[in-house]
């Protein structure tokens, strides 16, 4: 799929079929995420691929009851390694670059998901403490997003976008 087709086709998917996602597809999504730009090439992203039904239910509860999280065949939990970014850039790395870098990785993952014929949703509304406890994350890892991934149960609803000309100043 062409990059612009993937960008224009991407939409949040919240209903999935029960179809499993093959490991090789998951590997390509993770590889795409790892090709994102990163401050100082520190690559502070860390990924947890969750297929376990009980763990997906815990993540769904952590996401304030967003049940579609548990219904996806796979949930990617994307974390920022704060210490990795701080090692190169101090507090700015820990507080900003780690999040920026991880967000770039997430977007690559979302676009790769579309290119592979699957759907996903960037879930940012969740209790970080509950996710941290459920996955037993070390303190240096901050969960940034839950990404439920699966085959869309129906065509995703596209939302309108503000035209760039209304958001841009040309100097």
Protein backbone atom coordinates (compact mmCIF):
# COMPACT_ATOMS: atom_id res chain seq x y z
CA UNK A 1 0.00 0.00 0.00
CA UNK A 2 1.22 3.48 -0.85
CA UNK A 3 2.15 5.66 2.14
CA UNK A 4 -0.43 8.31 1.31
CA UNK A 5 -3.11 5.64 0.93
CA UNK A 6 -2.22 4.34 4.40
CA UNK A 7 -2.31 7.86 5.87
CA UNK A 8 -5.66 8.63 4.23
CA UNK A 9 -7.13 5.22 5.14
CA UNK A 10 -6.10 5.22 8.80
CA UNK A 11 -8.98 5.54 11.21
CA UNK A 12 -9.62 4.38 14.76
CA UNK A 13 -11.01 0.85 14.76
CA UNK A 14 -12.96 -0.25 17.82
CA UNK A 15 -14.68 -3.38 16.53
CA UNK A 16 -12.67 -6.43 15.54
CA UNK A 17 -13.26 -9.88 14.15
CA UNK A 18 -11.92 -12.83 16.12
CA UNK A 19 -9.32 -13.55 13.45
CA UNK A 20 -5.88 -14.13 14.88
CA UNK A 21 -2.96 -11.98 13.78
CA UNK A 22 -0.01 -14.06 12.56
CA UNK A 23 3.32 -13.59 14.32
CA UNK A 24 5.02 -12.38 11.13
CA UNK A 25 2.52 -9.51 10.86
CA UNK A 26 3.14 -8.55 14.50
CA UNK A 27 6.88 -8.60 13.79
CA UNK A 28 6.44 -6.26 10.81
CA UNK A 29 4.38 -3.84 12.92
CA UNK A 30 7.05 -3.82 15.61
CA UNK A 31 9.81 -3.36 13.03
CA UNK A 32 7.93 -0.41 11.51
CA UNK A 33 7.58 1.14 14.96
CA UNK A 34 11.31 0.76 15.60
CA UNK A 35 12.11 2.68 12.41
CA UNK A 36 10.67 5.91 13.83
CA UNK A 37 12.93 8.90 14.39
CA UNK A 38 14.41 9.24 17.85
CA UNK A 39 16.48 11.81 19.72
CA UNK A 40 20.12 10.75 19.70
CA UNK A 41 19.09 7.35 18.30
CA UNK A 42 18.31 6.29 21.89
CA UNK A 43 15.19 4.36 20.80
CA UNK A 44 13.39 4.57 24.16
CA UNK A 45 10.29 2.65 23.11
CA UNK A 46 9.45 -0.70 24.66
CA UNK A 47 6.62 -2.97 23.51
CA UNK A 48 4.45 -5.55 25.23
CA UNK A 49 2.44 -7.77 22.87
CA UNK A 50 -0.59 -8.98 24.81
CA UNK A 51 -2.64 -11.92 23.54
CA UNK A 52 -3.62 -13.31 26.95
CA UNK A 53 -7.37 -12.90 27.50
CA UNK A 54 -7.10 -12.19 31.23
CA UNK A 55 -4.42 -9.54 30.70
CA UNK A 56 -6.46 -7.90 27.92
CA UNK A 57 -9.39 -7.71 30.35
CA UNK A 58 -7.15 -6.01 32.92
CA UNK A 59 -6.02 -3.52 30.29
CA UNK A 60 -9.63 -2.88 29.29
CA UNK A 61 -10.51 -2.11 32.91
CA UNK A 62 -7.44 0.14 33.16
CA UNK A 63 -8.78 1.95 30.07
CA UNK A 64 -11.84 2.98 32.08
CA UNK A 65 -13.96 0.12 30.79
CA UNK A 66 -13.33 0.56 27.08
CA UNK A 67 -14.41 -2.98 26.26
CA UNK A 68 -13.08 -2.98 22.70
CA UNK A 69 -9.57 -3.14 24.16
CA UNK A 70 -10.25 -6.66 25.45
CA UNK A 71 -12.03 -7.72 22.25
CA UNK A 72 -8.99 -7.20 20.01
CA UNK A 73 -6.90 -10.27 19.21
CA UNK A 74 -3.77 -8.36 20.25
CA UNK A 75 -3.12 -5.32 22.41
CA UNK A 76 0.21 -3.60 22.01
CA UNK A 77 1.24 -1.72 25.13
CA UNK A 78 3.78 0.89 24.09
CA UNK A 79 5.99 2.31 26.81
CA UNK A 80 8.65 4.98 26.98
CA UNK A 81 11.90 4.10 28.72
CA UNK A 82 12.43 7.35 30.61
CA UNK A 83 15.92 6.42 31.80
CA UNK A 84 17.08 5.68 28.24
CA UNK A 85 16.14 9.19 27.12
CA UNK A 86 17.43 10.79 30.31
CA UNK A 87 20.81 9.12 29.76
CA UNK A 88 21.35 11.29 26.71
CA UNK A 89 19.34 14.40 27.47
CA UNK A 90 18.67 14.66 31.19
CA UNK A 91 15.29 15.92 32.32
CA UNK A 92 14.34 17.16 28.83
CA UNK A 93 14.95 13.65 27.50
CA UNK A 94 12.95 12.07 30.31
CA UNK A 95 10.03 14.50 30.18
CA UNK A 96 9.79 15.28 26.46
CA UNK A 97 11.96 13.30 24.06
CA UNK A 98 10.96 9.91 25.49
CA UNK A 99 7.30 10.72 24.86
CA UNK A 100 7.89 12.30 21.43
CA UNK A 101 10.00 9.38 20.27
CA UNK A 102 7.50 6.83 21.52
CA UNK A 103 4.62 8.70 19.89
CA UNK A 104 6.47 8.59 16.55
CA UNK A 105 6.89 4.83 16.95
CA UNK A 106 3.18 4.48 17.67
CA UNK A 107 2.23 6.37 14.52
CA UNK A 108 4.53 4.17 12.42
CA UNK A 109 2.84 1.14 13.98
CA UNK A 110 -0.63 2.49 13.19
CA UNK A 111 0.26 3.17 9.54
CA UNK A 112 1.87 -0.26 9.18
CA UNK A 113 -1.29 -1.81 10.65
CA UNK A 114 -3.37 -0.22 7.89
CA UNK A 115 -0.86 -1.29 5.23
CA UNK A 116 -1.17 -4.88 6.50
CA UNK A 117 -4.97 -4.79 6.18
CA UNK A 118 -5.69 -4.59 9.90
CA UNK A 119 -7.11 -1.88 12.13
CA UNK A 120 -6.10 -0.33 15.43
CA UNK A 121 -6.93 2.43 17.84
CA UNK A 122 -4.54 4.65 19.79
CA UNK A 123 -5.91 4.48 23.34
CA UNK A 124 -4.44 7.12 25.63
CA UNK A 125 -7.24 7.20 28.19
CA UNK A 126 -6.11 4.70 30.81
CA UNK A 127 -4.89 4.57 34.37
CA UNK A 128 -1.09 4.36 34.07
CA UNK A 129 -0.75 2.91 37.56
CA UNK A 130 -3.12 0.04 36.82
CA UNK A 131 -1.30 -0.78 33.56
CA UNK A 132 2.07 -0.54 35.32
CA UNK A 133 0.90 -2.91 38.06
CA UNK A 134 -0.78 -5.36 35.66
CA UNK A 135 2.35 -5.71 33.53
CA UNK A 136 4.73 -5.36 36.51
CA UNK A 137 6.59 -2.60 34.72
CA UNK A 138 9.78 -1.22 36.23
CA UNK A 139 9.63 2.43 37.27
CA UNK A 140 11.66 3.57 34.27
CA UNK A 141 8.91 2.43 31.86
CA UNK A 142 5.95 4.73 31.38
CA UNK A 143 2.99 3.32 29.44
CA UNK A 144 2.12 5.81 26.70
CA UNK A 145 -0.54 3.97 24.71
CA UNK A 146 -2.63 0.84 24.46
CA UNK A 147 -3.03 -0.20 20.82
CA UNK A 148 -5.73 -2.84 20.25
CA UNK A 149 -5.06 -4.45 16.84
CA UNK A 150 -7.19 -6.75 14.73
CA UNK A 151 -9.11 -7.23 11.54
CA UNK A 152 -11.84 -4.57 11.44
CA UNK A 153 -15.34 -6.00 11.88
CA UNK A 154 -16.60 -3.31 9.49
CA UNK A 155 -15.25 -0.40 7.53
CA UNK A 156 -13.97 2.21 10.00
CA UNK A 157 -15.81 5.50 10.25
CA UNK A 158 -13.63 8.29 8.97
CA UNK A 159 -13.67 11.55 10.84
CA UNK A 160 -13.21 14.93 9.24
CA UNK A 161 -9.98 16.83 9.53
CA UNK A 162 -9.39 20.55 9.70
CA UNK A 163 -7.69 21.60 6.44
CA UNK A 164 -4.00 22.31 6.95
CA UNK A 165 -4.44 25.83 5.53
CA UNK A 166 -6.51 26.77 8.59
CA UNK A 167 -3.79 25.47 10.91
CA UNK A 168 -0.67 26.73 9.20
CA UNK A 169 1.19 30.02 9.02
CA UNK A 170 3.47 30.40 6.01
CA UNK A 171 6.31 32.84 6.65
